Amino acid sequence: MLALRTALGRCLAGPARGGAAVLGSGGGRADIPSHLDDLPPTMLKKDYANVPIINSVDDVVRRLLSLEMASQKEKMKIKTQQLVEKVRRSPNDNGSFEVQVAILTAKIRTYEEHLQRHPKDKSNRRRMLMDIDRRKKLLAYLRRVRYDTFENTCKELGIQYSLPPAYTRRVTKRWLVKKAFCLKVFQEVRKLKAPERLKQRKEWQARARAAREKAAQCEGTPV
């Protein structure tokens, strides 16, 4: 009787704790949407998609080679390839600015999902910010050189590009003191150079007056 009660207690206590843990971890992940959700599970992995013999294998092997059993890294390869296909210039284009933007976009979205689950991961946050900055530079160059390509890239990849803000500097006491000192030095230098500038202005006016008088004398001289 005691053994039966012990076994029943383990069955009730063990799965309850394990089930609560699974629900707690799985429920949090289910609430976060992923940019990989639109990949169908029946799609084959990138390395096996173009193999001719893949159509003759049985269902078990096909499931093992499909995205149903694939890892996050293998799904990322498929998603990156899909984004690249939307913006590439030709089938052999693997390094244009549009392709680089597509690759960075896939990485950035993966980092964003990871940071939603692990907000204290500073290393991946730093990598994400570096990729965002790199993508901004590429998009700014496309916007400046090939605006139609820039618009098409943002439209196909779903990027909302915003113009960078104007340069602003945080006003501090040290900066105000430095600015006042620089203005004072500039005004003192202008005072010291004022006589020299006045002398140069008088010389220029004298030369201009002499040139006008000479031109008038040449016009009045008979040929």
C-alpha atoms as a PDB file:
ATOM      1  CA  MET A   1       0.000   0.000   0.000  1.00  0.00           C
ATOM      2  CA  LEU A   2       2.826   2.354   0.886  1.00  0.00           C
ATOM      3  CA  ALA A   3       4.639   1.541  -2.358  1.00  0.00           C
ATOM      4  CA  LEU A   4       1.467   2.252  -4.347  1.00  0.00           C
ATOM      5  CA  ARG A   5       1.073   5.633  -2.655  1.00  0.00           C
ATOM      6  CA  THR A   6       4.738   6.490  -3.333  1.00  0.00           C
ATOM      7  CA  ALA A   7       4.434   5.604  -7.024  1.00  0.00           C
ATOM      8  CA  LEU A   8       1.197   7.550  -7.329  1.00  0.00           C
ATOM      9  CA  GLY A   9       2.824  10.574  -5.653  1.00  0.00           C
ATOM     10  CA  ARG A  10       5.751  10.458  -8.083  1.00  0.00           C
ATOM     11  CA  CYS A  11       3.419  10.258 -11.065  1.00  0.00           C
ATOM     12  CA  LEU A  12       1.441  13.250  -9.873  1.00  0.00           C
ATOM     13  CA  ALA A  13       4.346  15.371  -8.687  1.00  0.00           C
ATOM     14  CA  GLY A  14       6.961  14.638 -11.359  1.00  0.00           C
ATOM     15  CA  PRO A  15       5.004  15.320 -14.545  1.00  0.00           C
ATOM     16  CA  ALA A  16       3.309  18.343 -12.956  1.00  0.00           C
ATOM     17  CA  ARG A  17       6.638  20.034 -12.347  1.00  0.00           C
ATOM     18  CA  GLY A  18       7.985  19.005 -15.729  1.00  0.00           C
ATOM     19  CA  GLY A  19       4.760  19.985 -17.475  1.00  0.00           C
ATOM     20  CA  ALA A  20       4.766  23.395 -15.843  1.00  0.00           C
ATOM     21  CA  ALA A  21       8.324  23.979 -17.002  1.00  0.00           C
ATOM     22  CA  VAL A  22       7.529  22.953 -20.544  1.00  0.00           C
ATOM     23  CA  LEU A  23       4.441  25.125 -20.673  1.00  0.00           C
ATOM     24  CA  GLY A  24       6.355  28.052 -19.231  1.00  0.00           C
ATOM     25  CA  SER A  25       9.146  27.831 -21.807  1.00  0.00           C
ATOM     26  CA  GLY A  26       7.008  26.860 -24.780  1.00  0.00           C
ATOM     27  CA  GLY A  27       4.263  29.374 -24.063  1.00  0.00           C
ATOM     28  CA  GLY A  28       6.758  32.252 -24.026  1.00  0.00           C
ATOM     29  CA  ARG A  29       8.223  31.204 -27.354  1.00  0.00           C
ATOM     30  CA  ALA A  30       4.827  30.693 -28.944  1.00  0.00           C
ATOM     31  CA  ASP A  31       3.881  34.296 -28.178  1.00  0.00           C
ATOM     32  CA  ILE A  32       6.878  35.643 -30.141  1.00  0.00           C
ATOM     33  CA  PRO A  33       6.315  35.556 -33.934  1.00  0.00           C
ATOM     34  CA  SER A  34       9.197  34.444 -36.100  1.00  0.00           C
ATOM     35  CA  HIS A  35      10.131  35.446 -39.640  1.00  0.00           C
ATOM     36  CA  LEU A  36      10.711  31.731 -40.301  1.00  0.00           C
ATOM     37  CA  ASP A  37       7.072  30.789 -39.704  1.00  0.00           C
ATOM     38  CA  ASP A  38       6.169  31.139 -43.394  1.00  0.00           C
ATOM     39  CA  LEU A  39       8.571  28.335 -44.376  1.00  0.00           C
ATOM     40  CA  PRO A  40       6.514  25.167 -45.066  1.00  0.00           C
ATOM     41  CA  PRO A  41       7.698  22.097 -43.111  1.00  0.00           C
ATOM     42  CA  THR A  42       7.617  19.967 -46.274  1.00  0.00           C
ATOM     43  CA  MET A  43      10.238  22.128 -47.999  1.00  0.00           C
ATOM     44  CA  LEU A  44      13.566  20.362 -48.468  1.00  0.00           C
ATOM     45  CA  LYS A  45      16.797  21.643 -47.003  1.00  0.00           C
ATOM     46  CA  LYS A  46      19.022  23.796 -49.171  1.00  0.00           C
ATOM     47  CA  ASP A  47      21.648  21.074 -49.703  1.00  0.00           C
ATOM     48  CA  TYR A  48      19.091  18.475 -50.893  1.00  0.00           C
ATOM     49  CA  ALA A  49      16.647  20.594 -52.886  1.00  0.00           C
ATOM     50  CA  ASN A  50      18.347  20.001 -56.275  1.00  0.00           C
ATOM     51  CA  VAL A  51      19.325  16.347 -55.831  1.00  0.00           C
ATOM     52  CA  PRO A  52      17.649  14.254 -58.622  1.00  0.00           C
ATOM     53  CA  ILE A  53      17.242  11.105 -56.510  1.00  0.00           C
ATOM     54  CA  ILE A  54      15.279  12.959 -53.833  1.00  0.00           C
ATOM     55  CA  ASN A  55      11.969  12.202 -55.576  1.00  0.00           C
ATOM     56  CA  SER A  56      12.456   8.440 -55.299  1.00  0.00           C
ATOM     57  CA  VAL A  57      13.105   8.206 -51.552  1.00  0.00           C
ATOM     58  CA  ASP A  58      10.476   7.101 -49.078  1.00  0.00           C
ATOM     59  CA  ASP A  59       8.512   9.396 -46.812  1.00  0.00           C
ATOM     60  CA  VAL A  60      10.667   8.812 -43.741  1.00  0.00           C
ATOM     61  CA  VAL A  61      13.868   9.893 -45.487  1.00  0.00           C
ATOM     62  CA  ARG A  62      12.083  12.834 -47.081  1.00  0.00           C
ATOM     63  CA  ARG A  63      10.903  13.988 -43.665  1.00  0.00           C
ATOM     64  CA  LEU A  64      14.444  13.773 -42.341  1.00  0.00           C
ATOM     65  CA  LEU A  65      15.689  15.920 -45.241  1.00  0.00           C
ATOM     66  CA  SER A  66      12.868  18.464 -44.980  1.00  0.00           C
ATOM     67  CA  LEU A  67      12.564  21.545 -42.791  1.00  0.00           C
ATOM     68  CA  GLU A  68      10.374  19.581 -40.378  1.00  0.00           C
ATOM     69  CA  MET A  69      13.552  18.083 -38.906  1.00  0.00           C
ATOM     70  CA  ALA A  70      15.827  21.027 -39.738  1.00  0.00           C
ATOM     71  CA  SER A  71      17.709  23.208 -37.279  1.00  0.00           C
ATOM     72  CA  GLN A  72      17.483  26.967 -36.940  1.00  0.00           C
ATOM     73  CA  LYS A  73      20.690  27.398 -38.959  1.00  0.00           C
ATOM     74  CA  GLU A  74      19.351  25.368 -41.883  1.00  0.00           C
ATOM     75  CA  LYS A  75      16.091  27.321 -41.868  1.00  0.00           C
ATOM     76  CA  MET A  76      18.063  30.552 -41.883  1.00  0.00           C
ATOM     77  CA  LYS A  77      19.856  29.450 -45.053  1.00  0.00           C
ATOM     78  CA  ILE A  78      16.515  28.936 -46.812  1.00  0.00           C
ATOM     79  CA  LYS A  79      15.124  32.264 -45.566  1.00  0.00           C
ATOM     80  CA  THR A  80      18.237  34.176 -46.561  1.00  0.00           C
ATOM     81  CA  GLN A  81      18.144  32.604 -50.017  1.00  0.00           C
ATOM     82  CA  GLN A  82      14.507  33.647 -50.429  1.00  0.00           C
ATOM     83  CA  LEU A  83      15.278  37.256 -49.510  1.00  0.00           C
ATOM     84  CA  VAL A  84      18.280  37.318 -51.833  1.00  0.00           C
ATOM     85  CA  GLU A  85      16.192  35.998 -54.728  1.00  0.00           C
ATOM     86  CA  LYS A  86      13.797  38.937 -54.335  1.00  0.00           C
ATOM     87  CA  VAL A  87      16.409  41.645 -54.914  1.00  0.00           C
ATOM     88  CA  ARG A  88      19.333  40.107 -56.811  1.00  0.00           C
ATOM     89  CA  ARG A  89      20.103  41.588 -60.231  1.00  0.00           C
ATOM     90  CA  SER A  90      20.900  38.282 -61.961  1.00  0.00           C
ATOM     91  CA  PRO A  91      21.152  34.575 -61.066  1.00  0.00           C
ATOM     92  CA  ASN A  92      24.922  35.000 -60.586  1.00  0.00           C
ATOM     93  CA  ASP A  93      24.634  38.099 -58.398  1.00  0.00           C
ATOM     94  CA  ASN A  94      26.004  37.234 -54.973  1.00  0.00           C
ATOM     95  CA  GLY A  95      27.666  40.447 -53.782  1.00  0.00           C
ATOM     96  CA  SER A  96      25.729  43.508 -54.897  1.00  0.00           C
ATOM     97  CA  PHE A  97      24.507  46.082 -52.404  1.00  0.00           C
ATOM     98  CA  GLU A  98      20.966  44.705 -52.619  1.00  0.00           C
ATOM     99  CA  VAL A  99      22.132  41.172 -51.830  1.00  0.00           C
ATOM    100  CA  GLN A 100      24.167  42.408 -48.868  1.00  0.00           C
ATOM    101  CA  VAL A 101      21.124  44.273 -47.547  1.00  0.00           C
ATOM    102  CA  ALA A 102      19.006  41.096 -47.858  1.00  0.00           C
ATOM    103  CA  ILE A 103      21.569  38.996 -45.960  1.00  0.00           C
ATOM    104  CA  LEU A 104      21.866  41.599 -43.205  1.00  0.00           C
ATOM    105  CA  THR A 105      18.067  41.843 -42.963  1.00  0.00           C
ATOM    106  CA  ALA A 106      17.772  38.103 -42.295  1.00  0.00           C
ATOM    107  CA  LYS A 107      20.455  38.333 -39.602  1.00  0.00           C
ATOM    108  CA  ILE A 108      18.890  41.379 -37.951  1.00  0.00           C
ATOM    109  CA  ARG A 109      15.453  39.757 -37.731  1.00  0.00           C
ATOM    110  CA  THR A 110      16.976  36.643 -36.190  1.00  0.00           C
ATOM    111  CA  TYR A 111      18.820  38.763 -33.615  1.00  0.00           C
ATOM    112  CA  GLU A 112      15.603  40.632 -32.785  1.00  0.00           C
ATOM    113  CA  GLU A 113      13.732  37.395 -32.094  1.00  0.00           C
ATOM    114  CA  HIS A 114      16.609  36.073 -29.991  1.00  0.00           C
ATOM    115  CA  LEU A 115      16.768  39.268 -27.926  1.00  0.00           C
ATOM    116  CA  GLN A 116      13.045  39.139 -27.265  1.00  0.00           C
ATOM    117  CA  ARG A 117      13.614  35.799 -25.545  1.00  0.00           C
ATOM    118  CA  HIS A 118      16.968  36.757 -24.003  1.00  0.00           C
ATOM    119  CA  PRO A 119      16.972  40.543 -23.475  1.00  0.00           C
ATOM    120  CA  LYS A 120      20.173  40.445 -21.391  1.00  0.00           C
ATOM    121  CA  ASP A 121      22.307  38.978 -24.169  1.00  0.00           C
ATOM    122  CA  LYS A 122      24.600  41.983 -24.703  1.00  0.00           C
ATOM    123  CA  SER A 123      26.924  40.231 -27.139  1.00  0.00           C
ATOM    124  CA  ASN A 124      24.193  39.501 -29.686  1.00  0.00           C
ATOM    125  CA  ARG A 125      22.688  42.950 -29.132  1.00  0.00           C
ATOM    126  CA  ARG A 126      26.041  44.461 -30.071  1.00  0.00           C
ATOM    127  CA  ARG A 127      26.219  42.311 -33.220  1.00  0.00           C
ATOM    128  CA  MET A 128      22.685  43.328 -34.158  1.00  0.00           C
ATOM    129  CA  LEU A 129      23.472  47.031 -33.767  1.00  0.00           C
ATOM    130  CA  MET A 130      26.595  46.615 -35.904  1.00  0.00           C
ATOM    131  CA  ASP A 131      24.576  44.909 -38.649  1.00  0.00           C
ATOM    132  CA  ILE A 132      21.885  47.605 -38.450  1.00  0.00           C
ATOM    133  CA  ASP A 133      24.526  50.308 -38.851  1.00  0.00           C
ATOM    134  CA  ARG A 134      26.080  48.468 -41.801  1.00  0.00           C
ATOM    135  CA  ARG A 135      22.684  48.084 -43.474  1.00  0.00           C
ATOM    136  CA  LYS A 136      21.943  51.787 -42.975  1.00  0.00           C
ATOM    137  CA  LYS A 137      25.150  52.710 -44.779  1.00  0.00           C
ATOM    138  CA  LEU A 138      24.338  50.401 -47.701  1.00  0.00           C
ATOM    139  CA  LEU A 139      20.790  51.755 -47.975  1.00  0.00           C
ATOM    140  CA  ALA A 140      22.033  55.349 -47.779  1.00  0.00           C
ATOM    141  CA  TYR A 141      24.424  54.659 -50.660  1.00  0.00           C
ATOM    142  CA  LEU A 142      21.666  53.035 -52.745  1.00  0.00           C
ATOM    143  CA  ARG A 143      19.345  55.949 -52.013  1.00  0.00           C
ATOM    144  CA  ARG A 144      21.993  58.409 -53.161  1.00  0.00           C
ATOM    145  CA  VAL A 145      23.167  56.542 -56.281  1.00  0.00           C
ATOM    146  CA  ARG A 146      20.267  54.322 -57.467  1.00  0.00           C
ATOM    147  CA  TYR A 147      17.035  55.522 -55.962  1.00  0.00           C
ATOM    148  CA  ASP A 148      14.794  53.139 -57.938  1.00  0.00           C
ATOM    149  CA  THR A 149      16.817  50.158 -56.712  1.00  0.00           C
ATOM    150  CA  PHE A 150      16.654  51.533 -53.168  1.00  0.00           C
ATOM    151  CA  GLU A 151      12.854  51.775 -53.309  1.00  0.00           C
ATOM    152  CA  ASN A 152      12.497  48.278 -54.760  1.00  0.00           C
ATOM    153  CA  THR A 153      14.834  46.791 -52.134  1.00  0.00           C
ATOM    154  CA  CYS A 154      12.938  48.377 -49.237  1.00  0.00           C
ATOM    155  CA  LYS A 155       9.613  47.266 -50.721  1.00  0.00           C
ATOM    156  CA  GLU A 156      10.621  43.649 -51.367  1.00  0.00           C
ATOM    157  CA  LEU A 157      12.327  43.178 -48.008  1.00  0.00           C
ATOM    158  CA  GLY A 158       9.737  45.081 -45.954  1.00  0.00           C
ATOM    159  CA  ILE A 159      12.229  47.651 -44.639  1.00  0.00           C
ATOM    160  CA  GLN A 160      10.967  50.968 -43.298  1.00  0.00           C
ATOM    161  CA  TYR A 161      13.805  53.381 -44.025  1.00  0.00           C
ATOM    162  CA  SER A 162      13.864  56.626 -42.083  1.00  0.00           C
ATOM    163  CA  LEU A 163      16.204  59.512 -42.827  1.00  0.00           C
ATOM    164  CA  PRO A 164      18.997  59.959 -40.292  1.00  0.00           C
ATOM    165  CA  PRO A 165      18.404  62.899 -37.924  1.00  0.00           C
ATOM    166  CA  ALA A 166      20.327  66.114 -38.328  1.00  0.00           C
ATOM    167  CA  TYR A 167      23.569  66.397 -36.411  1.00  0.00           C
ATOM    168  CA  THR A 168      22.892  67.369 -32.830  1.00  0.00           C
ATOM    169  CA  ARG A 169      25.333  67.758 -29.997  1.00  0.00           C
ATOM    170  CA  ARG A 170      24.497  67.385 -26.355  1.00  0.00           C
ATOM    171  CA  VAL A 171      24.991  70.729 -24.658  1.00  0.00           C
ATOM    172  CA  THR A 172      27.299  70.428 -21.675  1.00  0.00           C
ATOM    173  CA  LYS A 173      28.954  73.007 -19.458  1.00  0.00           C
ATOM    174  CA  ARG A 174      32.373  72.120 -20.830  1.00  0.00           C
ATOM    175  CA  TRP A 175      31.160  72.542 -24.410  1.00  0.00           C
ATOM    176  CA  LEU A 176      29.617  75.958 -23.626  1.00  0.00           C
ATOM    177  CA  VAL A 177      32.842  77.177 -21.991  1.00  0.00           C
ATOM    178  CA  LYS A 178      34.907  75.908 -24.919  1.00  0.00           C
ATOM    179  CA  LYS A 179      32.587  77.577 -27.441  1.00  0.00           C
ATOM    180  CA  ALA A 180      32.713  80.913 -25.585  1.00  0.00           C
ATOM    181  CA  PHE A 181      36.514  80.740 -25.438  1.00  0.00           C
ATOM    182  CA  CYS A 182      36.752  79.968 -29.178  1.00  0.00           C
ATOM    183  CA  LEU A 183      34.465  82.902 -30.016  1.00  0.00           C
ATOM    184  CA  LYS A 184      36.543  85.212 -27.874  1.00  0.00           C
ATOM    185  CA  VAL A 185      39.762  84.082 -29.571  1.00  0.00           C
ATOM    186  CA  PHE A 186      38.164  84.515 -32.995  1.00  0.00           C
ATOM    187  CA  GLN A 187      37.082  88.080 -32.192  1.00  0.00           C
ATOM    188  CA  GLU A 188      40.536  88.996 -30.860  1.00  0.00           C
ATOM    189  CA  VAL A 189      42.202  87.629 -33.991  1.00  0.00           C
ATOM    190  CA  ARG A 190      39.820  89.653 -36.170  1.00  0.00           C
ATOM    191  CA  LYS A 191      40.720  92.822 -34.222  1.00  0.00           C
ATOM    192  CA  LEU A 192      44.433  92.164 -34.722  1.00  0.00           C
ATOM    193  CA  LYS A 193      43.985  91.548 -38.437  1.00  0.00           C
ATOM    194  CA  ALA A 194      41.624  94.504 -38.977  1.00  0.00           C
ATOM    195  CA  PRO A 195      44.363  97.064 -39.915  1.00  0.00           C
ATOM    196  CA  GLU A 196      45.895  94.618 -42.384  1.00  0.00           C
ATOM    197  CA  ARG A 197      42.497  93.919 -43.972  1.00  0.00           C
ATOM    198  CA  LEU A 198      41.796  97.668 -44.217  1.00  0.00           C
ATOM    199  CA  LYS A 199      45.161  98.216 -45.905  1.00  0.00           C
ATOM    200  CA  GLN A 200      44.467  95.422 -48.413  1.00  0.00           C
ATOM    201  CA  ARG A 201      40.996  96.844 -49.141  1.00  0.00           C
ATOM    202  CA  LYS A 202      42.482 100.291 -49.859  1.00  0.00           C
ATOM    203  CA  GLU A 203      45.069  98.744 -52.183  1.00  0.00           C
ATOM    204  CA  TRP A 204      42.365  96.865 -54.089  1.00  0.00           C
ATOM    205  CA  GLN A 205      40.273 100.030 -54.412  1.00  0.00           C
ATOM    206  CA  ALA A 206      43.313 101.985 -55.663  1.00  0.00           C
ATOM    207  CA  ARG A 207      44.084  99.311 -58.255  1.00  0.00           C
ATOM    208  CA  ALA A 208      40.476  99.229 -59.412  1.00  0.00           C
ATOM    209  CA  ARG A 209      40.403 103.047 -59.677  1.00  0.00           C
ATOM    210  CA  ALA A 210      43.644 103.081 -61.682  1.00  0.00           C
ATOM    211  CA  ALA A 211      42.315 100.368 -64.009  1.00  0.00           C
ATOM    212  CA  ARG A 212      39.131 102.382 -64.643  1.00  0.00           C
ATOM    213  CA  GLU A 213      41.080 105.587 -65.345  1.00  0.00           C
ATOM    214  CA  LYS A 214      43.385 103.751 -67.736  1.00  0.00           C
ATOM    215  CA  ALA A 215      40.421 102.226 -69.557  1.00  0.00           C
ATOM    216  CA  ALA A 216      38.811 105.691 -69.862  1.00  0.00           C
ATOM    217  CA  GLN A 217      41.992 107.189 -71.276  1.00  0.00           C
ATOM    218  CA  CYS A 218      42.276 104.374 -73.854  1.00  0.00           C
ATOM    219  CA  GLU A 219      38.676 104.984 -74.968  1.00  0.00           C
ATOM    220  CA  GLY A 220      39.274 108.758 -75.339  1.00  0.00           C
ATOM    221  CA  THR A 221      42.535 108.448 -77.321  1.00  0.00           C
ATOM    222  CA  PRO A 222      41.944 108.873 -81.141  1.00  0.00           C
ATOM    223  CA  VAL A 223      43.189 106.066 -83.414  1.00  0.00           C
END
